[in-house]
Amino acid sequence: MSKSNIMHTYNRFDVNFEKGLGCKLYDINGKEYLDFVSGIATNCLGHSHPAIVNAIQKQSSELIHISNYYWNSNMEKLSEKLCESSDHEKVFFCNSGTEAIEAALKLARKYGKLNGSGSKNKVIYMNNSFHGRTLGALAVTGQKKYQENFSPLMERVESVDFNDIDDLINVFDEDVCGIILEPIQGEGGIITANVEYLEKARDLCDKYNALLIFDEVQCGIGRLGSLFAYKKFDVIPDIVCMAKALGGGFPIGAMMANKRCSYAFVPGDHGTTFGGNPLACAVSYAVLTELVDGGVIASIDEKNKYLTNKLIKLKENYPAIIDIRGMGLLIGIAISLNPKDFVAECFNEGFLIVSAGENVIRLLPPLNVSFQEIDAAIDILEKVFHKLC
């Protein structure tokens, strides 16, 4: 087969996967790989999980897509489950994380128009952040390398240093309609927000009648040990953006808003062709049921402790490990080695991981990963550190 017809937007590894089961992937030559990328925190139940397979088979035999001119019960049922599990009241369904971010930015702008003067349209974002590659999401992504080739971007946005309270206070005023941040910066290197910083952001939003937006696309849907990441910080945002694990590998995204701002969107303000379709919502409901009711999320804290303790012991033996960071099963290992070389060597050993930031490798296993699979991952990491150090 020819690869020449695929647009060159990714530097892919020289492998073609054809089958997956649980935490394992198999290429066209039959080689087995231990998958701690999970589609970048997407395959939360691993590959070919029965709950997902059954939901796809059942729903696809009944109804796949209609239009948002009509209601469907799967959309209603999924929105109810999300809202009952959160502090929010309404959901807009879409197809990806960047679409959820775009919806949140539009809602914040509309809210500012309804609740302020004509200048209440400024959005604050974090340096070192990542929110997506569409133009709106890119405008609030605090990394110049993603932005520079696509300027001019959306105006009336302003960046601040993550976790710098003074910087945040200095730029906040009545013109701000929203502030967007990741509770844990994923692509930026697994940098966790300080609780005090999130609390100050919440206070400032209340003071200036602006919206607090959490991008939980990577860190949400169980990855930190709670269904929503914000619950681990005890700071409630006005808007939560989610995708990735929400469908367990099936495309779906969502923007969830509280009573304070959900009223702002009215028919005609925003839309999507495929968002909320019966098939995607049926799959997502099955995923959430397995995560919450099936006890998967309840196991995350124990797995985090087990994995972290193993990594701490590894750090004692290999000075190339600078730091171990993150929460739940969103783990970063800062290293003094070249992260691309390290990821490539793990790939050669049949272990899939991904880098983040300047010097961090990420471990993003399926949330139902077994302790035996964690042991296998540690064994490969030790082998690679021994080889490269």
Protein backbone atom coordinates (compact mmCIF):
# COMPACT_ATOMS: atom_id res chain seq x y z
CA MET A 1 0.00 0.00 0.00
CA SER A 2 1.13 3.55 -0.74
CA LYS A 3 1.62 6.16 1.98
CA SER A 4 2.13 8.97 -0.53
CA ASN A 5 -1.52 10.04 -0.44
CA ILE A 6 -1.45 10.84 3.28
CA MET A 7 -0.69 14.50 4.04
CA HIS A 8 2.58 14.84 5.92
CA THR A 9 1.34 16.29 9.21
CA TYR A 10 2.91 13.69 11.52
CA ASN A 11 6.33 12.11 11.90
CA ARG A 12 5.07 8.57 12.29
CA PHE A 13 7.02 5.58 13.51
CA ASP A 14 7.67 2.92 10.87
CA VAL A 15 4.97 0.57 12.08
CA ASN A 16 1.49 -0.40 10.95
CA PHE A 17 -0.83 -1.67 13.68
CA GLU A 18 -3.69 -3.94 12.78
CA LYS A 19 -5.01 -5.29 16.08
CA GLY A 20 -5.27 -4.33 19.73
CA LEU A 21 -6.45 -6.08 22.87
CA GLY A 22 -6.34 -4.50 26.31
CA CYS A 23 -2.95 -2.84 26.82
CA LYS A 24 -1.40 -4.67 23.87
CA LEU A 25 -1.06 -3.68 20.22
CA TYR A 26 0.01 -5.95 17.36
CA ASP A 27 1.57 -4.82 14.09
CA ILE A 28 1.13 -6.37 10.67
CA ASN A 29 4.11 -8.64 11.33
CA GLY A 30 2.62 -9.97 14.56
CA LYS A 31 4.98 -8.13 16.93
CA GLU A 32 3.43 -7.29 20.30
CA TYR A 33 3.71 -3.84 21.92
CA LEU A 34 2.80 -2.70 25.42
CA ASP A 35 0.80 0.47 24.89
CA PHE A 36 1.36 3.26 27.45
CA VAL A 37 0.31 5.96 24.99
CA SER A 38 -3.34 4.91 24.76
CA GLY A 39 -3.94 7.06 21.71
CA ILE A 40 -2.59 9.95 23.85
CA ALA A 41 -4.82 9.38 26.89
CA THR A 42 -7.75 8.31 24.72
CA ASN A 43 -8.08 4.52 24.95
CA CYS A 44 -8.99 4.63 28.63
CA LEU A 45 -10.29 1.05 28.59
CA GLY A 46 -7.54 -0.25 26.35
CA HIS A 47 -8.16 -1.75 22.95
CA SER A 48 -11.25 -3.71 21.86
CA HIS A 49 -12.92 -3.51 25.25
CA PRO A 50 -16.17 -5.55 25.23
CA ALA A 51 -18.25 -2.63 26.53
CA ILE A 52 -17.16 -0.45 23.61
CA VAL A 53 -17.41 -3.20 21.01
CA ASN A 54 -20.90 -4.17 22.17
CA ALA A 55 -22.09 -0.55 22.20
CA ILE A 56 -20.84 0.01 18.66
CA GLN A 57 -22.36 -3.20 17.35
CA LYS A 58 -25.73 -2.66 19.00
CA GLN A 59 -26.16 1.01 18.19
CA SER A 60 -24.79 0.83 14.65
CA SER A 61 -27.42 -1.78 13.84
CA GLU A 62 -30.16 0.59 14.99
CA LEU A 63 -29.27 4.23 14.27
CA ILE A 64 -25.92 5.91 13.57
CA HIS A 65 -26.65 9.52 12.67
CA ILE A 66 -29.61 11.82 12.22
CA SER A 67 -29.20 15.57 12.67
CA ASN A 68 -29.36 18.08 15.49
CA TYR A 69 -32.70 19.16 14.10
CA TYR A 70 -33.99 16.19 16.11
CA TRP A 71 -33.55 14.69 19.59
CA ASN A 72 -32.10 11.28 20.30
CA SER A 73 -32.29 9.46 23.61
CA ASN A 74 -28.59 8.55 23.74
CA MET A 75 -27.62 12.21 23.71
CA GLU A 76 -30.09 12.96 26.49
CA LYS A 77 -28.94 10.01 28.59
CA LEU A 78 -25.24 10.87 28.22
CA SER A 79 -25.76 14.54 29.05
CA GLU A 80 -27.70 13.56 32.15
CA LYS A 81 -24.91 11.24 33.34
CA LEU A 82 -22.27 13.92 32.83
CA CYS A 83 -24.25 16.62 34.60
CA GLU A 84 -25.28 14.39 37.50
CA SER A 85 -21.61 13.56 38.05
CA SER A 86 -20.50 17.19 38.01
CA ASP A 87 -21.41 20.68 39.20
CA HIS A 88 -22.73 21.69 35.79
CA GLU A 89 -26.08 21.68 34.07
CA LYS A 90 -25.76 21.68 30.27
CA VAL A 91 -23.57 20.02 27.65
CA PHE A 92 -22.69 20.82 24.06
CA PHE A 93 -21.51 17.73 22.20
CA CYS A 94 -18.92 17.86 19.43
CA ASN A 95 -16.28 15.52 18.00
CA SER A 96 -12.87 16.43 19.42
CA GLY A 97 -10.96 18.36 22.04
CA THR A 98 -10.15 21.34 19.88
CA GLU A 99 -13.84 21.65 18.96
CA ALA A 100 -14.72 21.66 22.65
CA ILE A 101 -12.21 24.47 23.19
CA GLU A 102 -13.64 26.48 20.30
CA ALA A 103 -17.12 26.11 21.79
CA ALA A 104 -15.86 27.28 25.19
CA LEU A 105 -14.16 30.34 23.69
CA LYS A 106 -17.31 31.29 21.83
CA LEU A 107 -19.43 30.82 24.96
CA ALA A 108 -17.05 33.04 26.95
CA ARG A 109 -17.18 35.74 24.27
CA LYS A 110 -20.99 35.57 24.15
CA TYR A 111 -21.16 35.72 27.94
CA GLY A 112 -18.95 38.80 27.93
CA LYS A 113 -21.18 40.49 25.37
CA LEU A 114 -24.27 39.80 27.48
CA ASN A 115 -22.70 40.82 30.79
CA GLY A 116 -20.40 43.72 30.06
CA SER A 117 -19.55 46.58 27.79
CA GLY A 118 -18.48 46.06 24.21
CA SER A 119 -14.89 45.54 25.36
CA LYS A 120 -15.55 42.54 27.66
CA ASN A 121 -14.08 40.02 25.23
CA LYS A 122 -10.51 39.39 26.39
CA VAL A 123 -9.39 35.81 27.07
CA ILE A 124 -6.44 35.00 29.33
CA TYR A 125 -4.39 31.89 28.64
CA MET A 126 -1.29 30.22 30.05
CA ASN A 127 2.23 30.17 28.68
CA ASN A 128 3.40 26.61 27.90
CA SER A 129 -0.19 25.46 27.37
CA PHE A 130 -1.73 23.45 24.56
CA HIS A 131 -5.39 23.60 23.59
CA GLY A 132 -5.52 22.44 19.98
CA ARG A 133 -4.61 23.37 16.42
CA THR A 134 -7.72 25.10 15.07
CA LEU A 135 -7.27 28.87 14.90
CA GLY A 136 -9.19 29.78 18.04
CA ALA A 137 -7.59 27.05 20.15
CA LEU A 138 -4.21 27.91 18.65
CA ALA A 139 -4.61 31.55 19.67
CA VAL A 140 -4.77 30.48 23.34
CA THR A 141 -2.01 27.88 23.06
CA GLY A 142 1.01 29.31 24.84
CA GLN A 143 3.74 27.85 22.63
CA LYS A 144 5.08 29.98 19.79
CA LYS A 145 6.25 26.96 17.80
CA TYR A 146 2.63 26.02 17.13
CA GLN A 147 1.49 29.58 16.42
CA GLU A 148 4.15 31.31 14.36
CA ASN A 149 3.28 29.93 10.93
CA PHE A 150 -0.42 30.74 11.23
CA SER A 151 -0.54 34.36 12.30
CA PRO A 152 -2.46 36.55 12.53
CA LEU A 153 -4.47 34.65 15.12
CA MET A 154 -7.57 35.60 17.08
CA GLU A 155 -7.17 38.96 18.80
CA ARG A 156 -7.97 40.05 22.37
CA VAL A 157 -6.07 37.21 24.02
CA GLU A 158 -3.32 37.65 26.61
CA SER A 159 -0.87 35.15 28.04
CA VAL A 160 0.36 34.80 31.62
CA ASP A 161 2.86 32.53 33.32
CA PHE A 162 1.31 29.37 34.69
CA ASN A 163 1.14 29.27 38.51
CA ASP A 164 2.25 32.93 38.77
CA ILE A 165 -0.49 34.57 40.85
CA ASP A 166 0.94 38.08 40.59
CA ASP A 167 1.09 37.88 36.80
CA LEU A 168 -2.54 36.77 36.71
CA ILE A 169 -3.69 39.57 39.01
CA ASN A 170 -1.86 42.18 36.93
CA VAL A 171 -3.65 41.35 33.66
CA PHE A 172 -7.13 40.75 35.06
CA ASP A 173 -9.68 43.52 34.63
CA GLU A 174 -13.29 44.18 33.62
CA ASP A 175 -12.50 43.42 29.97
CA VAL A 176 -11.77 39.76 30.69
CA CYS A 177 -14.58 37.42 29.66
CA GLY A 178 -12.73 34.19 30.39
CA ILE A 179 -9.54 32.45 31.45
CA ILE A 180 -8.57 29.06 30.06
CA LEU A 181 -6.10 26.61 31.56
CA GLU A 182 -5.23 22.94 31.91
CA PRO A 183 -5.27 21.66 35.51
CA ILE A 184 -2.22 19.68 34.39
CA GLN A 185 -0.35 20.90 31.34
CA GLY A 186 0.05 17.73 29.30
CA GLU A 187 1.91 18.64 26.11
CA GLY A 188 3.80 21.28 28.08
CA GLY A 189 5.58 18.68 30.22
CA ILE A 190 3.12 17.40 32.88
CA ILE A 191 3.08 20.60 34.93
CA THR A 192 0.44 20.57 37.67
CA ALA A 193 -1.48 23.68 38.67
CA ASN A 194 -1.04 24.84 42.25
CA VAL A 195 -4.32 24.74 44.13
CA GLU A 196 -3.69 28.31 45.33
CA TYR A 197 -3.37 29.43 41.72
CA LEU A 198 -6.65 27.82 40.71
CA GLU A 199 -8.36 29.32 43.75
CA LYS A 200 -7.10 32.79 42.82
CA ALA A 201 -8.26 32.29 39.23
CA ARG A 202 -11.69 31.37 40.58
CA ASP A 203 -11.75 34.42 42.86
CA LEU A 204 -10.75 36.77 40.05
CA CYS A 205 -13.38 35.34 37.72
CA ASP A 206 -16.01 35.91 40.40
CA LYS A 207 -14.75 39.43 41.09
CA TYR A 208 -14.72 40.50 37.44
CA ASN A 209 -17.66 38.35 36.26
CA ALA A 210 -15.52 36.25 33.92
CA LEU A 211 -15.67 32.53 33.15
CA LEU A 212 -13.14 29.97 34.38
CA ILE A 213 -12.53 27.34 31.69
CA PHE A 214 -10.76 24.07 32.44
CA ASP A 215 -9.33 22.13 29.52
CA GLU A 216 -9.63 18.54 30.74
CA VAL A 217 -9.21 16.97 27.33
CA GLN A 218 -6.12 15.03 28.39
CA CYS A 219 -6.31 15.03 32.19
CA GLY A 220 -10.05 14.38 32.61
CA ILE A 221 -12.44 11.42 32.37
CA GLY A 222 -10.86 9.43 35.16
CA ARG A 223 -7.16 9.84 34.41
CA LEU A 224 -6.39 11.62 37.68
CA GLY A 225 -8.57 9.33 39.80
CA SER A 226 -11.83 11.26 39.56
CA LEU A 227 -14.23 11.50 36.65
CA PHE A 228 -13.44 15.19 36.26
CA ALA A 229 -9.98 16.56 36.96
CA TYR A 230 -11.29 19.66 38.74
CA LYS A 231 -12.57 17.50 41.60
CA LYS A 232 -8.97 16.67 42.53
CA PHE A 233 -8.31 20.38 43.11
CA ASP A 234 -11.61 21.35 44.77
CA VAL A 235 -12.00 24.31 42.42
CA ILE A 236 -15.12 24.35 40.27
CA PRO A 237 -14.76 25.89 36.80
CA ASP A 238 -17.66 27.41 34.91
CA ILE A 239 -16.82 25.39 31.81
CA VAL A 240 -15.20 21.98 31.37
CA CYS A 241 -13.85 20.87 27.99
CA MET A 242 -13.46 17.15 27.41
CA ALA A 243 -12.80 14.64 24.63
CA LYS A 244 -10.21 11.85 24.19
CA ALA A 245 -11.19 9.30 26.88
CA LEU A 246 -14.83 10.42 26.75
CA GLY A 247 -15.29 7.98 23.87
CA GLY A 248 -12.60 5.48 24.82
CA GLY A 249 -11.22 5.70 21.28
CA PHE A 250 -14.42 6.64 19.48
CA PRO A 251 -14.54 10.30 18.37
CA ILE A 252 -16.56 12.53 20.70
CA GLY A 253 -15.97 15.78 22.53
CA ALA A 254 -18.03 17.92 24.87
CA MET A 255 -18.17 21.35 26.44
CA MET A 256 -20.04 21.38 29.75
CA ALA A 257 -21.19 24.60 31.41
CA ASN A 258 -22.76 25.60 34.71
CA LYS A 259 -25.92 27.59 35.35
CA ARG A 260 -23.97 30.83 35.45
CA CYS A 261 -23.22 30.77 31.73
CA SER A 262 -25.00 27.90 29.99
CA TYR A 263 -27.94 30.13 29.09
CA ALA A 264 -25.76 32.32 26.85
CA PHE A 265 -25.88 30.04 23.80
CA VAL A 266 -29.15 30.15 21.87
CA PRO A 267 -30.11 28.48 18.56
CA GLY A 268 -27.85 29.72 15.80
CA ASP A 269 -24.90 30.61 18.06
CA HIS A 270 -23.02 27.35 17.62
CA GLY A 271 -23.46 23.95 16.04
CA THR A 272 -21.93 20.80 14.62
CA THR A 273 -23.05 18.17 12.14
CA PHE A 274 -21.96 15.06 14.00
CA GLY A 275 -21.94 16.23 17.62
CA GLY A 276 -24.28 14.24 19.85
CA ASN A 277 -24.99 11.56 17.26
CA PRO A 278 -26.59 8.36 18.60
CA LEU A 279 -23.58 6.13 17.96
CA ALA A 280 -20.96 8.34 19.63
CA CYS A 281 -23.21 8.96 22.62
CA ALA A 282 -23.99 5.26 23.04
CA VAL A 283 -20.28 4.45 23.09
CA SER A 284 -19.49 7.28 25.51
CA TYR A 285 -22.25 6.20 27.87
CA ALA A 286 -20.86 2.66 27.87
CA VAL A 287 -17.37 4.01 28.61
CA LEU A 288 -18.56 6.18 31.50
CA THR A 289 -20.58 3.30 32.93
CA GLU A 290 -17.51 1.07 32.91
CA LEU A 291 -15.27 3.76 34.39
CA VAL A 292 -17.63 4.87 37.14
CA ASP A 293 -19.98 1.98 37.88
CA GLY A 294 -17.45 -0.67 36.88
CA GLY A 295 -14.93 0.61 39.43
CA VAL A 296 -12.12 1.50 37.05
CA ILE A 297 -11.73 5.05 38.35
CA ALA A 298 -11.81 3.80 41.94
CA SER A 299 -8.60 1.83 41.23
CA ILE A 300 -6.54 4.75 39.89
CA ASP A 301 -5.13 6.05 43.18
CA GLU A 302 -3.80 2.61 44.09
CA LYS A 303 -2.24 2.17 40.64
CA ASN A 304 -0.68 5.62 40.87
CA LYS A 305 0.92 4.74 44.19
CA TYR A 306 2.21 1.44 42.84
CA LEU A 307 3.63 2.96 39.65
CA THR A 308 5.11 6.00 41.39
CA ASN A 309 6.87 3.87 44.00
CA LYS A 310 8.39 1.76 41.22
CA LEU A 311 9.59 4.90 39.44
CA ILE A 312 11.08 6.33 42.63
CA LYS A 313 13.15 3.18 43.04
CA LEU A 314 14.22 3.47 39.41
CA LYS A 315 15.25 7.08 40.01
CA GLU A 316 17.51 5.99 42.87
CA ASN A 317 19.50 3.85 40.45
CA TYR A 318 19.58 6.18 37.45
CA PRO A 319 20.60 9.84 37.94
CA ALA A 320 19.33 10.53 34.41
CA ILE A 321 15.87 10.66 35.98
CA ILE A 322 15.50 14.25 37.15
CA ASP A 323 11.92 14.28 38.36
CA ILE A 324 8.74 12.23 38.56
CA ARG A 325 5.58 14.27 38.27
CA GLY A 326 1.87 14.14 37.56
CA MET A 327 -1.22 12.60 39.13
CA GLY A 328 -3.22 9.42 38.71
CA LEU A 329 -2.18 7.72 35.48
CA LEU A 330 -0.93 10.91 33.87
CA ILE A 331 2.73 10.53 34.76
CA GLY A 332 5.75 12.47 33.52
CA ILE A 333 9.40 11.52 33.92
CA ALA A 334 11.84 14.40 33.39
CA ILE A 335 15.14 13.05 32.11
CA SER A 336 18.58 14.41 31.23
CA LEU A 337 18.66 12.20 28.14
CA ASN A 338 17.25 13.08 24.73
CA PRO A 339 13.54 12.20 25.11
CA LYS A 340 13.13 11.39 21.41
CA ASP A 341 15.97 8.88 21.59
CA PHE A 342 14.51 7.40 24.75
CA VAL A 343 11.03 7.04 23.21
CA ALA A 344 12.55 5.46 20.10
CA GLU A 345 14.54 2.94 22.14
CA CYS A 346 11.42 2.00 24.10
CA PHE A 347 9.63 1.52 20.79
CA ASN A 348 12.36 -0.86 19.68
CA GLU A 349 11.74 -2.82 22.88
CA GLY A 350 8.02 -3.05 22.14
CA PHE A 351 6.97 -0.37 24.61
CA LEU A 352 4.99 2.67 23.47
CA ILE A 353 5.40 5.98 25.31
CA VAL A 354 5.36 9.61 24.19
CA SER A 355 7.34 12.72 25.06
CA ALA A 356 6.13 16.08 26.40
CA GLY A 357 7.73 19.47 26.81
CA GLU A 358 11.49 19.77 26.46
CA ASN A 359 12.71 16.76 28.46
CA VAL A 360 9.76 14.71 29.69
CA ILE A 361 8.49 11.28 28.76
CA ARG A 362 4.83 10.54 29.43
CA LEU A 363 3.23 7.37 30.72
CA LEU A 364 -0.45 7.25 29.76
CA PRO A 365 -1.57 3.65 30.16
CA PRO A 366 -5.19 2.56 29.84
CA LEU A 367 -6.96 3.18 33.13
CA ASN A 368 -7.67 -0.54 33.51
CA VAL A 369 -3.97 -1.41 33.20
CA SER A 370 -2.98 -4.34 35.43
CA PHE A 371 -0.24 -4.32 38.04
CA GLN A 372 1.54 -7.01 36.01
CA GLU A 373 1.55 -4.70 32.98
CA ILE A 374 2.94 -1.89 35.13
CA ASP A 375 5.73 -4.26 36.20
CA ALA A 376 6.44 -5.08 32.56
CA ALA A 377 6.65 -1.37 31.74
CA ILE A 378 9.09 -0.74 34.58
CA ASP A 379 11.27 -3.63 33.41
CA ILE A 380 11.53 -2.10 29.92
CA LEU A 381 12.19 1.38 31.30
CA GLU A 382 15.02 0.00 33.41
CA LYS A 383 16.45 -1.83 30.43
CA VAL A 384 16.42 1.35 28.32
CA PHE A 385 17.91 3.51 31.08
CA HIS A 386 20.66 0.92 31.54
CA LYS A 387 21.39 0.97 27.81
CA LEU A 388 21.38 4.75 27.35
CA CYS A 389 23.03 5.86 30.59
